[in-house]
Amino acid sequence: MLFRLQQQAIVVFVWLIGLMVPAYACPTAADLAATGTVPGAAILADCLELARFDIPTGRGVVQGSIYGTPETDLNNVREIEEALVRSGNTLQRFLALGTEPIDVFVSATPYISDDTASDTGATAARSVTTGPDNPPKCVISVFPQAESAQYKYTIAHEFFHCVQFSDFSHAEGQLGTAWWVEGTAEWFASMVYQGTPYSDDWVAGFDSDSATTPITEMEYETVVFFWWLSQTYGPDRVVDLMEAMPRSRGSQEDALARVLNDSEFLKFVKDYLERKITQPGGRSSVSTPLEGERYKIDSETEMVLEAPRFVTYRAHLEFACGGWTTKTYDLKGQYATIRQPEIEWKELPVDFRSNSEGAIRFLVAGAATTEPGFRIGLQARKTPCIPCQTPEYSDGPQACLIGEWHLASGGMGAKIGKMLQDSPALGMVDYPDLDGLLIFRPDGTFTLRADDNGSMETKTPSGGIFSAEISLRLEKEGTWSVEGDKLIQCYMPIKSIEIEQTVTTPEGLTEKIEANRYLGPPLSYTEKRQFTCTDNRLDIIQKAFLAPTIEWGYEK
């Protein structure tokens, strides 16, 4: 009797299964992979309804349904329901946003392509409306994934696509919208499941591409931008941006430029380069910005830094050690620089120098939201007379030079006087010394002073005598170093020179002439002269092509 009852129970069970699963044509994972299509309502009608539940949204409750085959893992069904309800609860903070009813087709087997196995595989699409009794729905097709948490994260991503189809119809079917359609779906999923690593690959893609590729030409990688936008201005700013995108053919870039100006986009570039961007919930975006363009500058240079608009532009300028002057021009967009390892953004300084023998490095951030994009011209000139670092010459062969040296013989004044004395028009000439005192310091700086009096006489054809008494004062400063038997002196600009001259005519009349004039524009120059040095004697010789040889003899 018991056996007969068991047989009857089995027959009834099989009959019930037959009622539940008639000769249906519910597609398999392999079917979807082969066709690349998303099941519509007609196809889903041939599947089992495995769950039905309510999904909250910002505009009220909608129905969610999950379909599959008898082989479908019910754990996957429960995870899908949990993810959709949790996504709906997150959407409730946006009171204006909602979605149409959602039907989910859950495959019993993972997505498998011809060449590799993948545990990703999920799509969302809007079903076609056939009448008032068949309103539009959002249809999600999802394949099982090895990791439960990632499975639910994927559902949250697809859920936001359903929101886009419902409230941002311009998100569907337009070319060039993937940058914000996929970027905001990743952003929303990270709001639903905070602190997850499932966008890390997209962050790495942004790191590698963003230095040359506008964000409007990316896809999922722009999640970095939407994290920043939400973190900086609040989540509603993301929704405002989505609303601002063109609803028909139109420039995505122009629409974005009306939402985000140069200054705001530059802030994004700077925050990104400083790694200040975090995911919802505070987890680091694990971004590692790649360097972008790198320029090594070791001599006088002129260059242009430029990029299309909405490129997260950065460049590294590496100046050789020493002193530099720079000039920027023709700026389009906005820029800022950091002198590494400092962290304060500024404009590129006009004058700067190194404090060591290492290179001087600047990180440049550039941004532009309008045509023609970011552009800045840069002129850089290496300043002579500024060493890589402050030297110390208290020891070694250079130590002989340190001290005060007074001109004892020769010199530029004597050479000029000799040349003038050879002129038949001049009689007596005593030209003042131009470099009477030379002071070398251990820190590599020097001072050269001229403070001397002189006189000249000349005769007129009738025998009368003109005479002049001259007083000359000037001071030069700079840096010095030694290269073998060569003394290298880099002179800083001379700002002024004082001259007093009293001229006496043959009739005995006198006239005093005074001058204290500025010698700008400032000029620097370098001399390389042969020298020999002992304890109390310094001899310097300067030879130049097609110029007279000049000798100086100094004593302490």
Protein backbone atom coordinates (compact mmCIF):
# COMPACT_ATOMS: atom_id res chain seq x y z
CA MET A 1 0.00 0.00 0.00
CA LEU A 2 2.77 2.33 0.95
CA PHE A 3 4.61 1.50 -2.27
CA ARG A 4 1.46 2.22 -4.32
CA LEU A 5 1.05 5.58 -2.57
CA GLN A 6 4.66 6.40 -3.27
CA GLN A 7 4.15 5.55 -6.94
CA GLN A 8 1.07 7.77 -7.08
CA ALA A 9 2.95 10.62 -5.38
CA ILE A 10 5.73 10.39 -7.92
CA VAL A 11 3.24 10.45 -10.79
CA VAL A 12 1.51 13.50 -9.30
CA PHE A 13 4.89 15.25 -8.78
CA VAL A 14 5.91 14.58 -12.37
CA TRP A 15 2.50 15.80 -13.54
CA LEU A 16 2.90 19.01 -11.53
CA ILE A 17 6.35 19.56 -13.00
CA GLY A 18 4.82 19.05 -16.41
CA LEU A 19 2.29 21.76 -15.68
CA MET A 20 5.00 24.08 -14.43
CA VAL A 21 7.35 23.35 -17.30
CA PRO A 22 5.40 22.73 -20.48
CA ALA A 23 7.26 22.45 -23.75
CA TYR A 24 8.84 25.91 -23.19
CA ALA A 25 11.65 27.61 -25.15
CA CYS A 26 13.37 29.48 -22.34
CA PRO A 27 16.81 30.44 -23.76
CA THR A 28 19.97 29.02 -22.26
CA ALA A 29 23.19 30.88 -21.52
CA ALA A 30 24.67 29.37 -24.66
CA ASP A 31 21.76 30.73 -26.69
CA LEU A 32 22.31 34.24 -25.38
CA ALA A 33 26.05 34.04 -25.92
CA ALA A 34 25.56 32.88 -29.50
CA THR A 35 23.03 35.53 -30.48
CA GLY A 36 24.22 38.43 -28.34
CA THR A 37 20.59 39.39 -27.73
CA VAL A 38 18.62 40.22 -24.61
CA PRO A 39 15.45 38.18 -23.98
CA GLY A 40 12.28 40.15 -24.47
CA ALA A 41 8.92 39.71 -22.77
CA ALA A 42 7.78 37.13 -25.31
CA ILE A 43 10.77 34.91 -24.63
CA LEU A 44 10.48 35.34 -20.88
CA ALA A 45 6.88 34.16 -21.11
CA ASP A 46 8.23 30.69 -21.85
CA CYS A 47 10.35 30.66 -18.66
CA LEU A 48 9.47 29.85 -15.07
CA GLU A 49 8.70 32.79 -12.80
CA LEU A 50 10.94 32.06 -9.84
CA ALA A 51 10.21 35.16 -7.73
CA ARG A 52 7.99 38.23 -7.62
CA PHE A 53 8.54 41.15 -5.22
CA ASP A 54 8.30 44.93 -4.76
CA ILE A 55 11.18 47.32 -5.50
CA PRO A 56 11.13 50.76 -3.84
CA THR A 57 12.25 53.78 -5.86
CA GLY A 58 12.28 57.53 -5.48
CA ARG A 59 8.88 57.70 -7.19
CA GLY A 60 7.19 54.73 -5.51
CA VAL A 61 7.15 50.94 -5.74
CA VAL A 62 7.51 48.88 -8.92
CA GLN A 63 7.30 45.13 -9.43
CA GLY A 64 10.32 42.93 -9.87
CA SER A 65 10.14 39.45 -11.37
CA ILE A 66 12.84 36.82 -11.83
CA TYR A 67 12.60 34.11 -14.51
CA GLY A 68 14.66 31.03 -15.21
CA THR A 69 14.65 27.27 -15.75
CA PRO A 70 14.20 24.41 -13.26
CA GLU A 71 18.00 24.14 -13.09
CA THR A 72 18.43 27.70 -11.87
CA ASP A 73 20.24 28.00 -8.54
CA LEU A 74 17.76 29.50 -6.09
CA ASN A 75 20.65 31.12 -4.21
CA ASN A 76 21.23 33.25 -7.31
CA VAL A 77 17.54 34.17 -7.32
CA ARG A 78 17.73 35.32 -3.70
CA GLU A 79 20.87 37.36 -4.41
CA ILE A 80 19.23 39.07 -7.39
CA GLU A 81 16.16 39.98 -5.33
CA GLU A 82 18.33 41.33 -2.52
CA ALA A 83 20.40 43.41 -4.96
CA LEU A 84 17.34 44.90 -6.68
CA VAL A 85 15.62 45.82 -3.41
CA ARG A 86 18.82 47.29 -2.01
CA SER A 87 19.33 49.28 -5.20
CA GLY A 88 15.78 50.58 -4.93
CA ASN A 89 16.35 51.66 -1.35
CA THR A 90 19.47 53.57 -2.45
CA LEU A 91 17.50 55.19 -5.26
CA GLN A 92 14.97 56.56 -2.75
CA ARG A 93 17.39 59.38 -1.82
CA PHE A 94 16.76 60.74 -5.35
CA LEU A 95 13.09 61.59 -5.07
CA ALA A 96 12.62 62.29 -8.77
CA LEU A 97 14.11 59.03 -10.02
CA GLY A 98 12.39 55.73 -10.63
CA THR A 99 12.21 52.82 -13.02
CA GLU A 100 9.70 50.74 -14.91
CA PRO A 101 8.92 47.21 -13.68
CA ILE A 102 11.96 44.96 -13.94
CA ASP A 103 12.02 41.42 -15.33
CA VAL A 104 15.22 39.47 -14.76
CA PHE A 105 16.22 36.44 -16.78
CA VAL A 106 18.76 34.45 -14.75
CA SER A 107 20.76 31.87 -16.64
CA ALA A 108 21.41 28.52 -15.00
CA THR A 109 24.92 28.34 -16.42
CA PRO A 110 27.78 30.86 -16.62
CA TYR A 111 28.56 32.85 -19.72
CA ILE A 112 31.19 31.06 -21.81
CA SER A 113 32.70 32.52 -24.95
CA ASP A 114 34.73 30.70 -27.57
CA ASP A 115 38.16 31.61 -26.26
CA THR A 116 37.81 32.31 -22.55
CA ALA A 117 35.56 31.74 -19.56
CA SER A 118 34.13 34.84 -17.97
CA ASP A 119 32.11 35.43 -14.84
CA THR A 120 30.94 38.89 -15.94
CA GLY A 121 27.98 38.80 -18.37
CA ALA A 122 24.93 40.94 -17.65
CA THR A 123 22.86 43.23 -19.86
CA ALA A 124 19.83 45.45 -19.53
CA ALA A 125 17.39 46.61 -22.21
CA ARG A 126 13.96 48.14 -22.49
CA SER A 127 11.18 45.87 -23.78
CA VAL A 128 8.98 47.04 -26.61
CA THR A 129 5.52 48.37 -25.72
CA THR A 130 2.75 46.59 -27.61
CA GLY A 131 -0.28 48.24 -26.02
CA PRO A 132 -1.89 49.43 -22.79
CA ASP A 133 -2.02 45.86 -21.49
CA ASN A 134 1.67 45.39 -22.19
CA PRO A 135 3.49 48.45 -20.79
CA PRO A 136 7.26 48.80 -21.17
CA LYS A 137 9.55 46.97 -18.79
CA CYS A 138 13.25 46.85 -18.13
CA VAL A 139 14.63 43.40 -18.91
CA ILE A 140 17.90 42.30 -17.31
CA SER A 141 19.74 39.19 -18.44
CA VAL A 142 22.34 37.92 -16.00
CA PHE A 143 24.71 34.97 -15.84
CA PRO A 144 25.96 33.37 -12.62
CA GLN A 145 29.24 34.66 -11.22
CA ALA A 146 31.71 32.86 -9.00
CA GLU A 147 31.63 35.55 -6.31
CA SER A 148 28.32 36.31 -4.65
CA ALA A 149 29.22 39.92 -3.78
CA GLN A 150 30.27 40.70 -7.35
CA TYR A 151 27.07 39.07 -8.63
CA LYS A 152 24.97 41.49 -6.58
CA TYR A 153 27.18 44.45 -7.55
CA THR A 154 26.56 43.62 -11.22
CA ILE A 155 22.79 43.58 -10.62
CA ALA A 156 23.02 47.05 -9.00
CA HIS A 157 24.89 48.33 -12.07
CA GLU A 158 22.20 46.96 -14.42
CA PHE A 159 19.45 48.31 -12.16
CA PHE A 160 20.70 51.85 -12.77
CA HIS A 161 20.57 51.23 -16.50
CA CYS A 162 16.86 50.56 -15.95
CA VAL A 163 16.62 53.96 -14.23
CA GLN A 164 18.40 55.54 -17.21
CA PHE A 165 15.97 53.92 -19.68
CA SER A 166 13.02 55.20 -17.66
CA ASP A 167 14.13 58.73 -16.74
CA PHE A 168 16.93 59.54 -19.21
CA SER A 169 15.65 58.25 -22.52
CA HIS A 170 18.52 60.02 -24.26
CA ALA A 171 20.82 57.43 -22.66
CA GLU A 172 19.64 54.75 -25.06
CA GLY A 173 20.48 54.44 -28.72
CA GLN A 174 22.76 57.47 -29.07
CA LEU A 175 26.36 57.27 -30.09
CA GLY A 176 28.89 58.83 -27.74
CA THR A 177 26.86 58.53 -24.53
CA ALA A 178 28.69 55.53 -23.05
CA TRP A 179 31.00 57.78 -21.02
CA TRP A 180 28.19 58.89 -18.73
CA VAL A 181 25.80 55.95 -19.17
CA GLU A 182 28.34 53.36 -18.01
CA GLY A 183 30.22 55.72 -15.70
CA THR A 184 27.13 56.64 -13.68
CA ALA A 185 25.96 53.00 -13.53
CA GLU A 186 29.31 52.06 -11.94
CA TRP A 187 29.03 55.06 -9.63
CA PHE A 188 25.53 53.99 -8.52
CA ALA A 189 26.58 50.36 -7.95
CA SER A 190 29.41 51.60 -5.72
CA MET A 191 26.86 53.61 -3.73
CA VAL A 192 24.71 50.49 -3.23
CA TYR A 193 27.66 48.26 -2.27
CA GLN A 194 30.25 50.53 -0.74
CA GLY A 195 33.91 49.66 -0.28
CA THR A 196 34.04 47.00 -3.02
CA PRO A 197 36.97 46.52 -5.44
CA TYR A 198 34.92 45.77 -8.53
CA SER A 199 35.70 49.06 -10.27
CA ASP A 200 39.46 48.80 -9.74
CA ASP A 201 40.12 47.62 -13.29
CA TRP A 202 38.22 50.62 -14.65
CA VAL A 203 40.29 52.91 -12.41
CA ALA A 204 43.47 51.39 -13.84
CA GLY A 205 42.13 52.05 -17.33
CA PHE A 206 41.46 55.67 -16.44
CA ASP A 207 45.00 56.01 -15.10
CA SER A 208 46.51 54.77 -18.36
CA ASP A 209 44.26 56.62 -20.83
CA SER A 210 43.16 59.88 -19.24
CA ALA A 211 46.37 61.83 -19.97
CA THR A 212 45.52 61.81 -23.69
CA THR A 213 41.87 60.70 -24.01
CA PRO A 214 38.92 63.00 -23.20
CA ILE A 215 36.56 61.57 -20.61
CA THR A 216 33.76 61.88 -23.19
CA GLU A 217 35.51 59.20 -25.27
CA MET A 218 35.70 56.65 -22.43
CA GLU A 219 33.17 54.24 -20.98
CA TYR A 220 33.23 52.55 -17.55
CA GLU A 221 36.56 54.28 -16.77
CA THR A 222 34.77 57.57 -16.11
CA VAL A 223 33.55 56.19 -12.79
CA VAL A 224 36.59 58.03 -11.36
CA PHE A 225 35.15 61.34 -12.57
CA PHE A 226 31.67 60.61 -11.19
CA TRP A 227 33.10 59.60 -7.82
CA TRP A 228 34.83 62.97 -7.72
CA LEU A 229 31.73 64.88 -8.85
CA SER A 230 29.60 63.22 -6.16
CA GLN A 231 32.29 63.59 -3.49
CA THR A 232 32.88 67.28 -4.27
CA TYR A 233 29.40 68.62 -5.01
CA GLY A 234 27.03 65.90 -3.77
CA PRO A 235 25.26 63.01 -5.55
CA ASP A 236 22.53 65.27 -6.94
CA ARG A 237 25.16 66.98 -9.12
CA VAL A 238 25.60 63.67 -10.96
CA VAL A 239 21.87 63.58 -11.70
CA ASP A 240 22.01 67.20 -12.87
CA LEU A 241 24.77 66.29 -15.31
CA MET A 242 22.75 63.37 -16.69
CA GLU A 243 19.77 65.68 -17.20
CA ALA A 244 21.97 68.18 -19.03
CA MET A 245 23.08 65.75 -21.72
CA PRO A 246 21.53 66.38 -25.15
CA ARG A 247 18.31 64.47 -25.83
CA SER A 248 18.94 64.28 -29.54
CA ARG A 249 21.98 64.57 -31.70
CA GLY A 250 24.25 67.10 -30.12
CA SER A 251 27.71 67.59 -28.79
CA GLN A 252 28.32 65.74 -25.55
CA GLU A 253 31.33 67.97 -24.95
CA ASP A 254 29.37 71.20 -25.39
CA ALA A 255 26.66 69.96 -23.04
CA LEU A 256 29.22 68.98 -20.41
CA ALA A 257 30.92 72.39 -20.76
CA ARG A 258 27.65 74.04 -19.75
CA VAL A 259 27.67 72.01 -16.53
CA LEU A 260 31.37 72.11 -15.67
CA ASN A 261 33.68 75.09 -16.24
CA ASP A 262 37.46 75.21 -16.62
CA SER A 263 38.06 75.95 -12.96
CA GLU A 264 35.95 73.01 -11.79
CA PHE A 265 37.52 70.61 -14.25
CA LEU A 266 40.99 71.78 -13.20
CA LYS A 267 40.01 70.98 -9.61
CA PHE A 268 39.13 67.47 -10.75
CA VAL A 269 42.54 67.11 -12.45
CA LYS A 270 44.37 68.35 -9.36
CA ASP A 271 42.38 66.17 -6.94
CA TYR A 272 42.95 63.18 -9.19
CA LEU A 273 46.71 63.77 -9.41
CA GLU A 274 46.88 64.21 -5.62
CA ARG A 275 44.88 60.98 -5.18
CA LYS A 276 42.18 62.71 -3.15
CA ILE A 277 39.29 60.94 -4.89
CA THR A 278 37.50 58.23 -2.90
CA GLN A 279 34.63 55.88 -3.55
CA PRO A 280 31.29 56.31 -1.77
CA GLY A 281 31.92 55.20 1.80
CA GLY A 282 35.51 56.47 1.86
CA ARG A 283 37.45 53.63 0.26
CA SER A 284 40.41 54.83 -1.77
CA SER A 285 39.91 54.83 -5.51
CA VAL A 286 43.27 52.97 -5.69
CA SER A 287 44.26 55.30 -8.48
CA THR A 288 47.88 55.47 -9.60
CA PRO A 289 48.03 58.32 -12.13
CA LEU A 290 50.59 57.68 -14.84
CA GLU A 291 53.06 60.47 -15.51
CA GLY A 292 51.75 61.83 -18.78
CA GLU A 293 54.25 63.77 -20.85
CA ARG A 294 57.77 64.19 -19.43
CA TYR A 295 60.12 66.93 -20.54
CA LYS A 296 63.79 67.21 -19.59
CA ILE A 297 64.96 70.81 -19.87
CA ASP A 298 68.69 71.46 -19.62
CA SER A 299 69.16 74.51 -21.86
CA GLU A 300 67.20 77.41 -23.29
CA THR A 301 63.86 75.93 -24.40
CA GLU A 302 60.56 76.95 -25.91
CA MET A 303 57.65 74.50 -25.99
CA VAL A 304 53.87 74.21 -26.12
CA LEU A 305 51.87 71.97 -23.78
CA GLU A 306 48.46 71.13 -25.22
CA ALA A 307 45.64 68.57 -25.18
CA PRO A 308 42.01 68.29 -26.36
CA ARG A 309 39.32 69.54 -24.01
CA PHE A 310 38.22 67.27 -21.15
CA VAL A 311 41.58 65.51 -21.10
CA THR A 312 42.94 65.04 -17.59
CA TYR A 313 46.19 66.64 -18.70
CA ARG A 314 49.39 66.37 -16.75
CA ALA A 315 53.04 66.79 -17.59
CA HIS A 316 56.31 66.61 -15.72
CA LEU A 317 58.84 69.38 -16.32
CA GLU A 318 62.31 68.38 -15.18
CA PHE A 319 64.77 71.27 -15.17
CA ALA A 320 68.49 70.66 -14.81
CA CYS A 321 69.91 71.93 -11.54
CA GLY A 322 70.90 75.56 -11.40
CA GLY A 323 68.91 78.76 -11.87
CA TRP A 324 66.05 79.33 -14.33
CA THR A 325 63.75 82.08 -15.54
CA THR A 326 60.47 81.20 -17.25
CA LYS A 327 57.67 82.90 -19.13
CA THR A 328 54.24 81.48 -19.96
CA TYR A 329 52.02 82.78 -22.76
CA ASP A 330 49.02 82.01 -24.98
CA LEU A 331 47.10 80.19 -22.23
CA LYS A 332 43.89 78.40 -23.24
CA GLY A 333 41.97 76.82 -20.38
CA GLN A 334 43.56 76.78 -16.94
CA TYR A 335 46.68 75.26 -15.39
CA ALA A 336 48.52 74.92 -12.10
CA THR A 337 51.85 73.44 -11.04
CA ILE A 338 53.38 71.80 -8.00
CA ARG A 339 57.10 72.00 -7.40
CA GLN A 340 57.68 68.49 -6.16
CA PRO A 341 57.82 67.33 -3.44
CA GLU A 342 55.74 70.33 -2.31
CA ILE A 343 51.95 70.02 -2.37
CA GLU A 344 50.70 73.56 -3.00
CA TRP A 345 49.36 74.31 -6.47
CA LYS A 346 50.63 77.57 -7.96
CA GLU A 347 51.56 79.10 -11.28
CA LEU A 348 55.00 78.28 -12.64
CA PRO A 349 57.40 80.72 -10.90
CA VAL A 350 59.24 83.27 -13.01
CA ASP A 351 62.54 82.62 -11.22
CA PHE A 352 63.63 79.51 -9.36
CA ARG A 353 66.75 77.52 -8.55
CA SER A 354 67.75 74.19 -7.10
CA ASN A 355 68.93 73.65 -3.58
CA SER A 356 70.99 70.61 -4.50
CA GLU A 357 72.57 68.95 -7.50
CA GLY A 358 69.27 67.20 -8.22
CA ALA A 359 66.86 68.21 -10.97
CA ILE A 360 64.03 70.70 -10.30
CA ARG A 361 60.71 68.97 -10.96
CA PHE A 362 57.28 70.48 -11.56
CA LEU A 363 54.02 68.60 -12.03
CA VAL A 364 51.70 70.52 -14.37
CA ALA A 365 47.92 70.04 -14.33
CA GLY A 366 45.96 71.40 -17.29
CA ALA A 367 42.24 71.61 -18.02
CA ALA A 368 39.90 73.01 -20.65
CA THR A 369 36.19 72.47 -21.25
CA THR A 370 35.83 74.42 -24.49
CA GLU A 371 37.54 74.43 -27.86
CA PRO A 372 40.38 74.51 -28.82
CA GLY A 373 41.29 72.63 -25.64
CA PHE A 374 44.12 73.16 -23.20
CA ARG A 375 47.22 75.01 -24.40
CA ILE A 376 50.07 76.94 -22.84
CA GLY A 377 53.34 78.18 -24.27
CA LEU A 378 56.49 78.07 -22.16
CA GLN A 379 59.86 79.76 -22.54
CA ALA A 380 62.65 78.70 -20.20
CA ARG A 381 66.16 80.15 -19.95
CA LYS A 382 68.95 78.84 -17.78
CA THR A 383 70.37 81.63 -15.64
CA PRO A 384 74.15 81.82 -15.65
CA CYS A 385 75.97 82.50 -12.42
CA ILE A 386 73.70 80.30 -10.30
CA PRO A 387 75.33 77.00 -9.34
CA CYS A 388 73.45 73.79 -8.68
CA GLN A 389 74.11 74.12 -4.97
CA THR A 390 76.00 76.35 -2.58
CA PRO A 391 79.64 75.23 -2.79
CA GLU A 392 82.14 75.14 0.05
CA TYR A 393 85.66 76.13 -0.97
CA SER A 394 87.34 76.31 2.42
CA ASP A 395 89.49 73.29 1.53
CA GLY A 396 91.31 72.10 -1.55
CA PRO A 397 93.07 74.07 -4.31
CA GLN A 398 90.30 76.68 -4.43
CA ALA A 399 91.02 77.69 -0.85
CA CYS A 400 93.99 79.77 -2.05
CA LEU A 401 91.61 82.21 -3.73
CA ILE A 402 89.53 82.97 -0.65
CA GLY A 403 90.13 86.41 0.78
CA GLU A 404 90.53 90.07 -0.30
CA TRP A 405 92.85 90.78 -3.23
CA HIS A 406 94.01 94.29 -4.11
CA LEU A 407 95.16 95.15 -7.63
CA ALA A 408 98.92 95.67 -7.68
CA SER A 409 99.65 95.71 -11.41
CA GLY A 410 97.94 95.51 -14.76
CA GLY A 411 94.19 95.43 -14.99
CA MET A 412 91.51 96.67 -17.34
CA GLY A 413 91.99 100.35 -16.39
CA ALA A 414 95.70 100.20 -17.14
CA LYS A 415 95.05 98.53 -20.49
CA ILE A 416 92.51 101.18 -21.51
CA GLY A 417 94.89 103.92 -20.35
CA LYS A 418 97.74 102.50 -22.48
CA MET A 419 95.50 102.29 -25.53
CA LEU A 420 94.35 105.91 -25.05
CA GLN A 421 97.93 107.14 -24.42
CA ASP A 422 98.97 105.77 -27.80
CA SER A 423 96.50 108.16 -29.44
CA PRO A 424 98.33 111.31 -30.77
CA ALA A 425 95.43 113.51 -29.61
CA LEU A 426 96.01 112.64 -25.95
CA GLY A 427 98.95 113.55 -23.83
CA MET A 428 98.99 112.29 -20.26
CA VAL A 429 96.53 109.49 -19.37
CA ASP A 430 95.99 107.95 -15.94
CA TYR A 431 92.80 105.88 -16.38
CA PRO A 432 91.13 104.73 -13.13
CA ASP A 433 91.25 101.06 -12.17
CA LEU A 434 88.03 99.17 -13.04
CA ASP A 435 88.68 96.22 -10.75
CA GLY A 436 90.83 97.35 -7.86
CA LEU A 437 89.44 95.02 -5.18
CA LEU A 438 88.47 91.36 -5.70
CA ILE A 439 86.91 89.41 -2.82
CA PHE A 440 86.38 85.62 -3.01
CA ARG A 441 84.19 83.92 -0.39
CA PRO A 442 83.99 80.26 0.64
CA ASP A 443 80.31 80.02 -0.41
CA GLY A 444 81.24 80.53 -4.08
CA THR A 445 80.29 84.21 -4.31
CA PHE A 446 82.60 87.11 -5.14
CA THR A 447 82.57 90.91 -5.26
CA LEU A 448 84.64 93.11 -7.56
CA ARG A 449 84.86 96.81 -6.72
CA ALA A 450 86.20 99.81 -8.58
CA ASP A 451 86.77 103.01 -6.60
CA ASP A 452 89.59 105.02 -8.16
CA ASN A 453 90.54 108.42 -9.52
CA GLY A 454 92.28 109.21 -12.79
CA SER A 455 93.14 112.07 -15.12
CA MET A 456 93.68 112.88 -18.80
CA GLU A 457 95.14 115.81 -20.78
CA THR A 458 94.94 116.78 -24.43
CA LYS A 459 96.35 119.73 -26.39
CA THR A 460 94.46 121.92 -28.85
CA PRO A 461 96.07 122.85 -32.20
CA SER A 462 96.86 126.31 -30.77
CA GLY A 463 98.68 124.77 -27.82
CA GLY A 464 96.00 125.10 -25.17
CA ILE A 465 95.41 122.22 -22.74
CA PHE A 466 92.17 120.52 -21.80
CA SER A 467 92.38 118.45 -18.63
CA ALA A 468 89.90 116.10 -16.90
CA GLU A 469 89.84 114.62 -13.43
CA ILE A 470 87.79 111.41 -13.27
CA SER A 471 86.31 109.53 -10.31
CA LEU A 472 84.79 106.09 -10.99
CA ARG A 473 82.84 103.85 -8.59
CA LEU A 474 81.06 100.60 -9.43
CA GLU A 475 80.52 97.14 -7.94
CA LYS A 476 80.01 93.74 -9.54
CA GLU A 477 78.86 90.54 -7.87
CA GLY A 478 78.53 86.94 -8.94
CA THR A 479 79.60 83.36 -8.31
CA TRP A 480 82.91 81.65 -8.92
CA SER A 481 84.36 78.19 -9.38
CA VAL A 482 87.60 76.59 -10.55
CA GLU A 483 88.09 74.24 -13.46
CA GLY A 484 91.71 73.11 -13.60
CA ASP A 485 93.82 76.27 -14.03
CA LYS A 486 90.77 78.27 -15.12
CA LEU A 487 88.91 80.70 -12.88
CA ILE A 488 85.24 80.83 -13.88
CA GLN A 489 83.34 83.95 -12.81
CA CYS A 490 79.65 84.44 -13.48
CA TYR A 491 78.71 88.10 -13.16
CA MET A 492 75.28 89.19 -12.08
CA PRO A 493 73.84 92.33 -13.71
CA ILE A 494 75.45 95.68 -12.83
CA LYS A 495 72.65 97.94 -11.68
CA SER A 496 74.46 101.28 -11.51
CA ILE A 497 77.75 103.07 -12.00
CA GLU A 498 78.86 106.40 -10.50
CA ILE A 499 81.11 108.74 -12.48
CA GLU A 500 82.31 112.21 -11.50
CA GLN A 501 84.38 114.20 -13.99
CA THR A 502 85.79 117.74 -13.74
CA VAL A 503 86.89 119.25 -17.07
CA THR A 504 89.20 122.32 -17.19
CA THR A 505 89.43 124.38 -20.42
CA PRO A 506 92.57 126.22 -21.64
CA GLU A 507 91.00 129.44 -20.33
CA GLY A 508 90.84 127.98 -16.82
CA LEU A 509 87.07 127.44 -16.77
CA THR A 510 85.87 124.27 -15.01
CA GLU A 511 82.78 122.12 -15.48
CA LYS A 512 81.75 119.26 -13.21
CA ILE A 513 79.89 116.32 -14.72
CA GLU A 514 78.19 113.73 -12.48
CA ALA A 515 76.39 110.57 -13.55
CA ASN A 516 74.70 107.85 -11.53
CA ARG A 517 72.79 105.94 -14.11
CA TYR A 518 70.94 102.61 -14.33
CA LEU A 519 72.52 100.17 -16.73
CA GLY A 520 69.41 98.03 -17.48
CA PRO A 521 68.11 95.87 -18.92
CA PRO A 522 69.93 93.48 -16.60
CA LEU A 523 72.55 91.31 -18.24
CA SER A 524 74.63 88.45 -16.92
CA TYR A 525 77.83 87.15 -18.42
CA THR A 526 80.55 84.61 -17.70
CA GLU A 527 84.33 84.89 -17.87
CA LYS A 528 86.76 82.00 -17.94
CA ARG A 529 90.34 83.17 -17.23
CA GLN A 530 93.62 81.43 -16.51
CA PHE A 531 95.03 81.97 -13.02
CA THR A 532 97.89 81.08 -10.68
CA CYS A 533 97.61 81.54 -6.93
CA THR A 534 100.05 81.50 -4.04
CA ASP A 535 99.64 82.59 -0.44
CA ASN A 536 99.97 86.31 -1.21
CA ARG A 537 99.88 86.59 -5.00
CA LEU A 538 97.13 86.05 -7.56
CA ASP A 539 97.82 86.44 -11.28
CA ILE A 540 95.02 86.31 -13.81
CA ILE A 541 95.37 86.30 -17.60
CA GLN A 542 92.53 86.78 -20.07
CA LYS A 543 93.00 85.92 -23.72
CA ALA A 544 90.30 86.30 -26.30
CA PHE A 545 90.24 85.96 -30.08
CA LEU A 546 90.85 89.30 -31.85
CA ALA A 547 91.09 91.06 -28.47
CA PRO A 548 94.12 92.26 -26.52
CA THR A 549 95.50 90.07 -23.74
CA ILE A 550 94.91 91.52 -20.29
CA GLU A 551 96.84 90.65 -17.14
CA TRP A 552 95.94 91.34 -13.51
CA GLY A 553 98.31 91.10 -10.58
CA TYR A 554 96.68 91.01 -7.12
CA GLU A 555 98.17 90.90 -3.67
CA LYS A 556 96.55 90.29 -0.29
